[in-house]
Amino acid sequence: MTTRIPVAVYAEDPVLRTGVTHQLRPRPEVQVLLSHETSRAAVALLVVDELDESSVRLLRRLQRSSSTRTGVVAGRFDQDALQVAVDCGVAAVVRRAEADQDRLVNAVVAVAKGEAVLPGDLLGTLLDHVGRLQRSVLDPDAPTLSTLTAREADMLRLVSEGFDTSEIAVKMSFSERTVKNVLHEVTTRLHLRNRAHAVGYVMRHGLI
């Protein structure tokens, strides 16, 4: 590339910031900006253990900057974090355990070109997420992730894996009565016949 890509590295943990900066600084493709130069960054890299409220606030602020595209280097990154990242306009995700120099630089270059970078397993998750969004647009009355509480979804996931009431109670540290009541509430609320019908319903709509 003829010009170096200006990169701003954000991390509350100075060790994480120093580590990524140390990886990027020797490479001719990028220019790591000082803290007072971040306004001219073409790419922003947020380095975190996991996405929390403060990092999401930063991502929202960066999203409002039309000239900066954002990537995340994270220690832990699950489906919920991916959905938040997509909503915040994140263009690249690199797991910290895989963040060697080449991978970081390649991610920065790709983001600067307007491309997206995701680990393979997260790409599949993202496609599922997009599919659910498309279905919700085509059918606004279809159930969404907010249809179920986290507890309800966890119980139905265990039912789908063949666990009975007593086993679910042990795994989730609830009484058997609580498990029965929660599952009864779901089937009643969604006008379903039984547990099997409930599991088929939520799986068909991508809720578990």
Protein backbone atom coordinates (compact mmCIF):
# COMPACT_ATOMS: atom_id res chain seq x y z
CA MET A 1 0.00 0.00 0.00
CA THR A 2 1.27 3.51 -0.81
CA THR A 3 0.04 5.16 2.40
CA ARG A 4 0.04 3.89 5.95
CA ILE A 5 -3.34 3.32 7.55
CA PRO A 6 -3.77 5.50 10.66
CA VAL A 7 -4.91 3.26 13.52
CA ALA A 8 -6.15 4.21 16.99
CA VAL A 9 -5.82 1.51 19.66
CA TYR A 10 -8.25 1.68 22.58
CA ALA A 11 -7.89 -0.39 25.75
CA GLU A 12 -8.60 0.36 29.39
CA ASP A 13 -5.94 -2.18 30.33
CA PRO A 14 -2.53 -0.62 29.52
CA VAL A 15 -0.97 -4.06 29.12
CA LEU A 16 -3.46 -4.96 26.37
CA ARG A 17 -2.93 -1.63 24.65
CA THR A 18 0.85 -1.95 24.79
CA GLY A 19 0.73 -5.50 23.44
CA VAL A 20 -1.32 -4.62 20.36
CA THR A 21 0.61 -1.40 19.77
CA HIS A 22 3.87 -3.35 19.95
CA GLN A 23 2.56 -5.78 17.33
CA LEU A 24 1.41 -3.06 14.92
CA ARG A 25 4.07 -0.37 15.22
CA PRO A 26 6.88 -2.06 13.21
CA ARG A 27 4.65 -2.76 10.21
CA PRO A 28 4.81 -0.39 7.21
CA GLU A 29 1.11 -0.90 6.39
CA VAL A 30 -0.09 0.91 9.51
CA GLN A 31 0.61 3.98 11.61
CA VAL A 32 -0.31 3.68 15.29
CA LEU A 33 -1.63 7.04 16.43
CA LEU A 34 -0.89 8.73 19.73
CA SER A 35 -3.79 9.44 22.09
CA HIS A 36 -4.15 13.05 20.92
CA GLU A 37 -4.23 12.00 17.24
CA THR A 38 -7.16 9.55 17.34
CA SER A 39 -9.54 11.95 15.57
CA ARG A 40 -7.79 11.20 12.27
CA ALA A 41 -7.90 7.41 12.60
CA ALA A 42 -9.16 5.45 9.61
CA VAL A 43 -9.42 2.32 11.76
CA ALA A 44 -10.06 1.99 15.50
CA LEU A 45 -9.14 -1.19 17.35
CA LEU A 46 -10.81 -1.83 20.69
CA VAL A 47 -8.87 -4.37 22.79
CA VAL A 48 -10.83 -5.95 25.65
CA ASP A 49 -11.22 -9.12 27.68
CA GLU A 50 -14.91 -9.05 26.77
CA LEU A 51 -17.50 -6.49 25.73
CA ASP A 52 -18.91 -4.68 28.75
CA GLU A 53 -20.96 -1.52 29.20
CA SER A 54 -18.01 0.86 28.95
CA SER A 55 -16.63 -0.76 25.81
CA VAL A 56 -20.07 -0.72 24.19
CA ARG A 57 -20.35 3.00 24.96
CA LEU A 58 -17.02 3.54 23.23
CA LEU A 59 -18.16 1.50 20.22
CA ARG A 60 -21.31 3.62 20.00
CA ARG A 61 -19.21 6.78 20.07
CA LEU A 62 -16.89 5.46 17.38
CA GLN A 63 -19.91 4.45 15.31
CA ARG A 64 -20.97 8.08 15.19
CA SER A 65 -17.63 8.94 13.57
CA SER A 66 -18.29 8.53 9.85
CA SER A 67 -14.58 8.45 9.00
CA THR A 68 -13.56 5.62 11.35
CA ARG A 69 -14.20 1.91 10.90
CA THR A 70 -13.93 -0.28 13.97
CA GLY A 71 -12.52 -3.68 14.88
CA VAL A 72 -12.54 -5.55 18.17
CA VAL A 73 -9.78 -7.73 19.62
CA ALA A 74 -11.39 -9.71 22.43
CA GLY A 75 -10.41 -12.44 24.84
CA ARG A 76 -13.95 -13.85 24.96
CA PHE A 77 -16.55 -13.35 22.28
CA ASP A 78 -19.90 -15.15 22.19
CA GLN A 79 -23.16 -14.85 20.26
CA ASP A 80 -24.54 -12.06 22.46
CA ALA A 81 -21.33 -10.06 22.06
CA LEU A 82 -21.47 -10.58 18.30
CA GLN A 83 -24.98 -9.19 18.08
CA VAL A 84 -23.96 -6.14 20.11
CA ALA A 85 -20.88 -5.67 17.92
CA VAL A 86 -22.93 -5.85 14.73
CA ASP A 87 -25.38 -3.31 16.13
CA CYS A 88 -22.42 -1.03 16.92
CA GLY A 89 -21.07 -1.24 13.36
CA VAL A 90 -18.00 -3.35 14.18
CA ALA A 91 -16.37 -4.55 10.94
CA ALA A 92 -13.81 -7.00 12.32
CA VAL A 93 -13.46 -9.38 15.24
CA VAL A 94 -10.17 -11.03 16.17
CA ARG A 95 -9.87 -13.33 19.15
CA ARG A 96 -6.95 -12.26 21.31
CA ALA A 97 -5.51 -15.77 21.42
CA GLU A 98 -5.21 -15.61 17.60
CA ALA A 99 -4.05 -12.00 17.39
CA ASP A 100 -0.53 -12.37 16.05
CA GLN A 101 1.06 -9.56 14.08
CA ASP A 102 -0.03 -10.74 10.63
CA ARG A 103 -3.62 -11.35 11.68
CA LEU A 104 -3.91 -7.92 13.28
CA VAL A 105 -2.41 -6.13 10.28
CA ASN A 106 -4.54 -8.12 7.83
CA ALA A 107 -7.65 -7.21 9.82
CA VAL A 108 -6.73 -3.51 9.81
CA VAL A 109 -6.06 -3.53 6.06
CA ALA A 110 -9.33 -5.35 5.35
CA VAL A 111 -11.35 -2.96 7.52
CA ALA A 112 -9.74 0.04 5.84
CA LYS A 113 -10.85 -1.40 2.48
CA GLY A 114 -14.41 -1.71 3.71
CA GLU A 115 -14.29 -5.47 4.18
CA ALA A 116 -15.42 -7.53 7.17
CA VAL A 117 -13.30 -9.98 9.16
CA LEU A 118 -14.77 -12.67 11.42
CA PRO A 119 -13.63 -16.03 12.75
CA GLY A 120 -15.36 -18.86 10.88
CA ASP A 121 -17.58 -19.95 13.77
CA LEU A 122 -18.80 -16.39 14.35
CA LEU A 123 -19.57 -15.99 10.65
CA GLY A 124 -22.08 -18.83 10.91
CA THR A 125 -23.59 -17.19 13.99
CA LEU A 126 -23.84 -13.87 12.17
CA LEU A 127 -25.58 -15.46 9.19
CA ASP A 128 -28.11 -17.00 11.57
CA HIS A 129 -28.61 -13.60 13.20
CA VAL A 130 -29.14 -11.91 9.83
CA GLY A 131 -31.58 -14.64 8.85
CA ARG A 132 -33.62 -13.99 11.98
CA LEU A 133 -33.63 -10.26 11.25
CA GLN A 134 -34.81 -10.88 7.70
CA ARG A 135 -37.59 -13.17 8.94
CA SER A 136 -38.69 -10.54 11.45
CA VAL A 137 -38.93 -7.95 8.65
CA LEU A 138 -40.92 -10.31 6.41
CA ASP A 139 -43.13 -11.41 9.31
CA PRO A 140 -43.28 -8.74 12.04
CA ASP A 141 -45.53 -10.98 14.15
CA ALA A 142 -42.97 -13.81 14.22
CA PRO A 143 -41.36 -14.55 17.61
CA THR A 144 -38.04 -12.87 18.38
CA LEU A 145 -35.28 -13.42 20.93
CA SER A 146 -37.28 -11.29 23.37
CA THR A 147 -40.10 -13.87 23.23
CA LEU A 148 -38.23 -16.00 25.78
CA THR A 149 -36.42 -15.11 28.96
CA ALA A 150 -32.88 -16.45 29.33
CA ARG A 151 -34.14 -18.98 31.88
CA GLU A 152 -36.89 -20.20 29.55
CA ALA A 153 -34.49 -20.53 26.63
CA ASP A 154 -31.99 -22.47 28.75
CA MET A 155 -34.67 -24.88 29.94
CA LEU A 156 -36.01 -25.49 26.45
CA ARG A 157 -32.48 -26.03 25.18
CA LEU A 158 -32.00 -28.73 27.81
CA VAL A 159 -35.35 -30.29 26.91
CA SER A 160 -34.23 -30.37 23.27
CA GLU A 161 -31.08 -32.23 24.38
CA GLY A 162 -33.18 -34.95 26.04
CA PHE A 163 -32.97 -33.96 29.71
CA ASP A 164 -36.01 -34.63 31.89
CA THR A 165 -37.48 -32.40 34.60
CA SER A 166 -35.32 -33.68 37.45
CA GLU A 167 -32.11 -33.44 35.42
CA ILE A 168 -32.93 -29.88 34.34
CA ALA A 169 -33.64 -28.96 37.95
CA VAL A 170 -30.22 -30.23 39.01
CA LYS A 171 -28.37 -28.55 36.13
CA MET A 172 -30.05 -25.17 36.66
CA SER A 173 -30.23 -25.33 40.49
CA PHE A 174 -34.01 -24.99 40.57
CA SER A 175 -36.69 -27.15 42.15
CA GLU A 176 -38.57 -29.56 39.90
CA ARG A 177 -41.72 -27.53 40.58
CA THR A 178 -40.03 -24.39 39.27
CA VAL A 179 -38.94 -26.18 36.09
CA LYS A 180 -42.47 -27.49 35.53
CA ASN A 181 -43.98 -24.05 36.16
CA VAL A 182 -41.57 -22.28 33.79
CA LEU A 183 -42.13 -24.77 30.98
CA HIS A 184 -45.89 -24.67 31.53
CA GLU A 185 -45.78 -20.86 31.35
CA VAL A 186 -43.95 -20.98 28.00
CA THR A 187 -46.32 -23.48 26.40
CA THR A 188 -49.37 -21.57 27.67
CA ARG A 189 -48.08 -18.15 26.60
CA LEU A 190 -47.18 -19.33 23.12
CA HIS A 191 -50.38 -21.41 22.77
CA LEU A 192 -48.46 -24.66 22.32
CA ARG A 193 -49.62 -28.20 23.11
CA ASN A 194 -46.69 -29.62 25.07
CA ARG A 195 -42.92 -29.48 25.61
CA ALA A 196 -42.11 -31.18 22.32
CA HIS A 197 -44.28 -28.67 20.48
CA ALA A 198 -42.54 -25.82 22.36
CA VAL A 199 -39.06 -27.11 21.48
CA GLY A 200 -39.98 -27.52 17.81
CA TYR A 201 -41.54 -24.05 17.75
CA VAL A 202 -38.57 -22.18 19.23
CA MET A 203 -36.01 -24.14 17.18
CA ARG A 204 -37.94 -23.49 13.97
CA HIS A 205 -37.84 -19.76 14.71
CA GLY A 206 -34.16 -19.79 15.70
CA LEU A 207 -34.78 -18.85 19.33
CA ILE A 208 -32.52 -21.58 20.79
